[in-house]
Amino acid sequence: MKKLIFSFFLILQMIAIAAASDAGQLHILCKDKKIASGVFLSPDLAVTTDTILLYHNIRFEAAGKTLYNYRIEFIDPVTKLVFLRLKGADARPVVIPDDNILIETEPLFILSGGKRVNVGFFTRKLNGYGAFFSENTSLYEGTALYDIEGHLAGVLIGNLDQHLFLFIYADMLAFYRDHLKMIIQKGRPVLNIVVTELWEYSGIQVKESRNSLVKKGDIIVGVGSFEINNVLDFNRALYLVNAEKKLLLKMIRDGHLKVITIDGGK
């Protein structure tokens, strides 16, 4: 009898663990075929990638529910993240750690059917993104990645080649979760420049400029009080600065540090 009771409680515990493991996960389908994944940042707010914009008549599955009613809250043109408001989801949000430092060759996992599945290993930080190696051929954009301790590492956003994938770090997801309302309401300054990564160095380079104060080839290293190491830093800084005030831009031009004040507009 004791063995039977123990087995019963063990089964209940396994079911609870499986349910908890799937908490925060979102599956996105079109015509019964899965096209992407996502995670919930709040009970009705989920994030995925712009892959879903290629499809029509999509539906969502989360925590045993099938959902059809949604609206796009925000699309970030830099990260390609898409934020969705899902009516009736009432999901358990994914837990985002305060700090999550990955080390080289650390294994990464996804959740599938209530189980952790090893899909590869972390290789390096690449201009604000995380890069990992995987031979898994069935990874979907928007899939949550977890470290060896079960903490959220980030969300898969694409791949550089057949086996090298990129993900957005969890702390960036926390930034959007905490500032999305402000981002939508305030927007960001319009600088009329196009920037690109400096893959081997800190800062970002101006590729094109229609701003009389900024020249092609300038290397931006700071915006206001924010240090700029890559395009993700630049994107986040522009969301946080006051778009209605003058903006300090720190840059390297002809080998010299130059600080200019520009009107970012809105």
Foldseek 3Di string as FASTA:
>chain_A
DVVVVVVVVVVVVLVVLLLVQQFQKKFKDDPPHTAAIWGDQAQFKIKFFLSCVVDPQMWMDGSRDIFRDKDWLDADPPLRMTMIGTPPRRTGGADADPDDDFDAQFWKWFDDSSDTDTFFGWHDQWQQKTKTFGQDPDHGTNTWIATPVGHTQFTWHAAPDNTITIGHGSVVVVLCSVCVVLCSVQPFFAQQWDWAAPGVWFFIFTCDHPHPVDDHGKTWQDKAPFGGGHVVSVSSVRSPDRLQDWIWTWTADPNDIDIDTDRRHD
